[in-house]
């Protein structure tokens, strides 16, 4: 695969739409609509949100969004299309996100994921995220798993 680049881009481009649609389809294959707490492209287009896109040879191969809040940042929409999996792209995207979080002065990163997304949960655990109680405006839901990591 070509060299990987990761940059902050608009979530309102055709490439972003392709990634967000793929992410949504992957979630809908496992969860019902009331079990998904995702952001649309237009919701990701906000001043406190950064949308990272990984590219190989100019083609989009993954994304993740970072929502900057007062006391923590939240991970949304981590997604790597099936054809690009196994290349460490999710790890690279999360590293870029965490570096960006630290540069913004925030030290706590949180996320909500699904209990059935075993690969994602395993990845987050390998990256040092620990299960925590629900946060923000999330309600208790049996399909949700909440995790957090304090950055050094």
Protein backbone atom coordinates (compact mmCIF):
# COMPACT_ATOMS: atom_id res chain seq x y z
CA UNK A 1 0.00 0.00 0.00
CA UNK A 2 1.10 3.57 -0.65
CA UNK A 3 2.36 5.88 2.05
CA UNK A 4 -0.39 6.79 4.52
CA UNK A 5 -1.22 10.42 5.22
CA UNK A 6 -3.66 11.61 7.85
CA UNK A 7 -5.11 15.10 7.85
CA UNK A 8 -8.09 17.02 9.16
CA UNK A 9 -10.64 17.47 6.41
CA UNK A 10 -14.21 18.60 5.97
CA UNK A 11 -16.81 15.91 6.69
CA UNK A 12 -18.87 17.37 3.83
CA UNK A 13 -16.82 16.05 0.90
CA UNK A 14 -17.60 13.08 -1.35
CA UNK A 15 -14.73 11.10 0.22
CA UNK A 16 -15.99 11.83 3.72
CA UNK A 17 -19.52 10.87 2.67
CA UNK A 18 -18.20 7.55 1.36
CA UNK A 19 -16.40 6.86 4.67
CA UNK A 20 -19.32 7.96 6.86
CA UNK A 21 -21.78 5.91 4.77
CA UNK A 22 -19.51 2.88 5.09
CA UNK A 23 -19.29 3.38 8.85
CA UNK A 24 -23.06 3.67 9.12
CA UNK A 25 -23.62 0.54 7.02
CA UNK A 26 -21.15 -1.43 9.15
CA UNK A 27 -22.96 -0.38 12.33
CA UNK A 28 -26.41 -1.06 10.89
CA UNK A 29 -25.30 -4.58 9.99
CA UNK A 30 -24.90 -5.25 13.73
CA UNK A 31 -27.19 -2.80 15.53
CA UNK A 32 -30.68 -1.39 15.20
CA UNK A 33 -31.23 2.34 14.71
CA UNK A 34 -32.01 2.92 18.41
CA UNK A 35 -28.72 1.23 19.34
CA UNK A 36 -26.57 3.60 17.23
CA UNK A 37 -25.39 6.96 18.52
CA UNK A 38 -23.60 8.32 15.47
CA UNK A 39 -23.08 11.79 14.07
CA UNK A 40 -24.09 12.67 10.53
CA UNK A 41 -21.70 14.52 8.24
CA UNK A 42 -23.50 17.80 8.92
CA UNK A 43 -23.30 17.20 12.68
CA UNK A 44 -19.56 16.56 12.30
CA UNK A 45 -19.19 19.93 10.59
CA UNK A 46 -18.87 21.96 13.80
CA UNK A 47 -16.23 24.23 15.29
CA UNK A 48 -15.45 21.83 18.15
CA UNK A 49 -15.12 18.76 15.90
CA UNK A 50 -12.14 17.65 13.84
CA UNK A 51 -12.62 14.99 11.17
CA UNK A 52 -9.46 13.04 10.34
CA UNK A 53 -9.11 11.19 7.05
CA UNK A 54 -6.40 8.63 6.33
CA UNK A 55 -5.35 8.40 2.69
CA UNK A 56 -3.19 6.04 0.68
CA UNK A 57 -2.26 7.22 -2.79
CA UNK A 58 -4.81 10.00 -2.42
CA UNK A 59 -7.67 7.56 -1.79
CA UNK A 60 -9.57 7.59 1.52
CA UNK A 61 -8.84 4.50 3.62
CA UNK A 62 -10.18 5.47 7.04
CA UNK A 63 -11.54 8.18 9.29
CA UNK A 64 -12.14 9.22 12.87
CA UNK A 65 -13.76 12.28 14.41
CA UNK A 66 -12.78 14.13 17.56
CA UNK A 67 -15.34 16.12 19.52
CA UNK A 68 -13.63 18.62 21.83
CA UNK A 69 -15.67 19.33 24.95
CA UNK A 70 -14.80 21.30 28.11
CA UNK A 71 -13.17 18.59 30.21
CA UNK A 72 -12.66 15.78 27.74
CA UNK A 73 -12.66 14.86 24.07
CA UNK A 74 -14.83 12.17 22.54
CA UNK A 75 -13.97 9.77 19.72
CA UNK A 76 -16.66 9.33 17.06
CA UNK A 77 -16.81 7.45 13.75
CA UNK A 78 -13.57 5.46 13.83
CA UNK A 79 -13.85 3.48 10.61
CA UNK A 80 -11.59 1.64 8.19
CA UNK A 81 -13.23 0.02 5.14
CA UNK A 82 -12.89 -3.75 5.02
CA UNK A 83 -10.52 -3.64 2.01
CA UNK A 84 -8.05 -1.53 4.03
CA UNK A 85 -8.16 -3.43 7.31
CA UNK A 86 -5.13 -5.19 8.75
CA UNK A 87 -2.74 -2.37 7.88
CA UNK A 88 -2.74 -0.64 11.27
CA UNK A 89 -4.79 2.30 10.01
CA UNK A 90 -7.07 2.45 13.06
CA UNK A 91 -4.02 2.63 15.32
CA UNK A 92 -2.55 5.41 13.17
CA UNK A 93 -5.82 7.34 13.16
CA UNK A 94 -6.13 7.06 16.95
CA UNK A 95 -2.50 8.16 17.40
CA UNK A 96 -3.15 11.25 15.26
CA UNK A 97 -6.32 11.96 17.24
CA UNK A 98 -4.57 11.59 20.62
CA UNK A 99 -1.68 13.83 19.53
CA UNK A 100 -4.22 16.45 18.45
CA UNK A 101 -6.10 16.14 21.76
CA UNK A 102 -2.93 16.74 23.77
CA UNK A 103 -2.01 19.74 21.60
CA UNK A 104 -5.42 21.23 22.38
CA UNK A 105 -4.74 20.95 26.13
CA UNK A 106 -7.22 18.15 26.86
CA UNK A 107 -5.95 15.09 28.70
CA UNK A 108 -9.01 12.82 28.86
CA UNK A 109 -10.43 10.96 25.85
CA UNK A 110 -13.73 9.11 26.06
CA UNK A 111 -15.77 7.01 23.67
CA UNK A 112 -18.97 5.06 23.37
CA UNK A 113 -18.80 1.86 21.37
CA UNK A 114 -20.90 -1.21 20.94
CA UNK A 115 -20.54 -4.33 23.02
CA UNK A 116 -20.80 -6.46 19.84
CA UNK A 117 -17.89 -4.67 18.13
CA UNK A 118 -15.26 -7.00 19.52
CA UNK A 119 -12.46 -5.85 17.18
CA UNK A 120 -13.04 -2.22 18.15
CA UNK A 121 -13.22 -3.01 21.87
CA UNK A 122 -10.03 -5.06 21.60
CA UNK A 123 -8.28 -2.22 19.76
CA UNK A 124 -9.31 0.36 22.35
CA UNK A 125 -8.13 -1.90 25.19
CA UNK A 126 -4.76 -2.41 23.45
CA UNK A 127 -4.47 1.38 23.15
CA UNK A 128 -5.00 1.80 26.89
CA UNK A 129 -8.69 2.64 27.07
CA UNK A 130 -10.54 1.33 30.12
CA UNK A 131 -14.23 0.67 30.65
CA UNK A 132 -15.90 3.53 32.50
CA UNK A 133 -19.39 4.67 33.45
CA UNK A 134 -21.60 6.47 30.96
CA UNK A 135 -20.87 10.13 30.37
CA UNK A 136 -22.27 13.21 28.71
CA UNK A 137 -25.83 12.95 27.44
CA UNK A 138 -25.75 9.20 26.81
CA UNK A 139 -28.43 7.17 28.47
CA UNK A 140 -27.83 3.72 29.89
CA UNK A 141 -28.26 1.28 27.04
CA UNK A 142 -27.45 -2.44 27.09
CA UNK A 143 -25.66 -2.23 23.72
CA UNK A 144 -23.33 0.59 24.82
CA UNK A 145 -19.87 0.24 26.26
CA UNK A 146 -18.14 3.37 27.56
CA UNK A 147 -14.37 3.70 27.68
CA UNK A 148 -11.81 6.37 28.53
CA UNK A 149 -8.10 7.03 28.55
CA UNK A 150 -6.09 9.62 30.44
CA UNK A 151 -3.34 10.93 28.14
CA UNK A 152 0.14 11.56 29.53
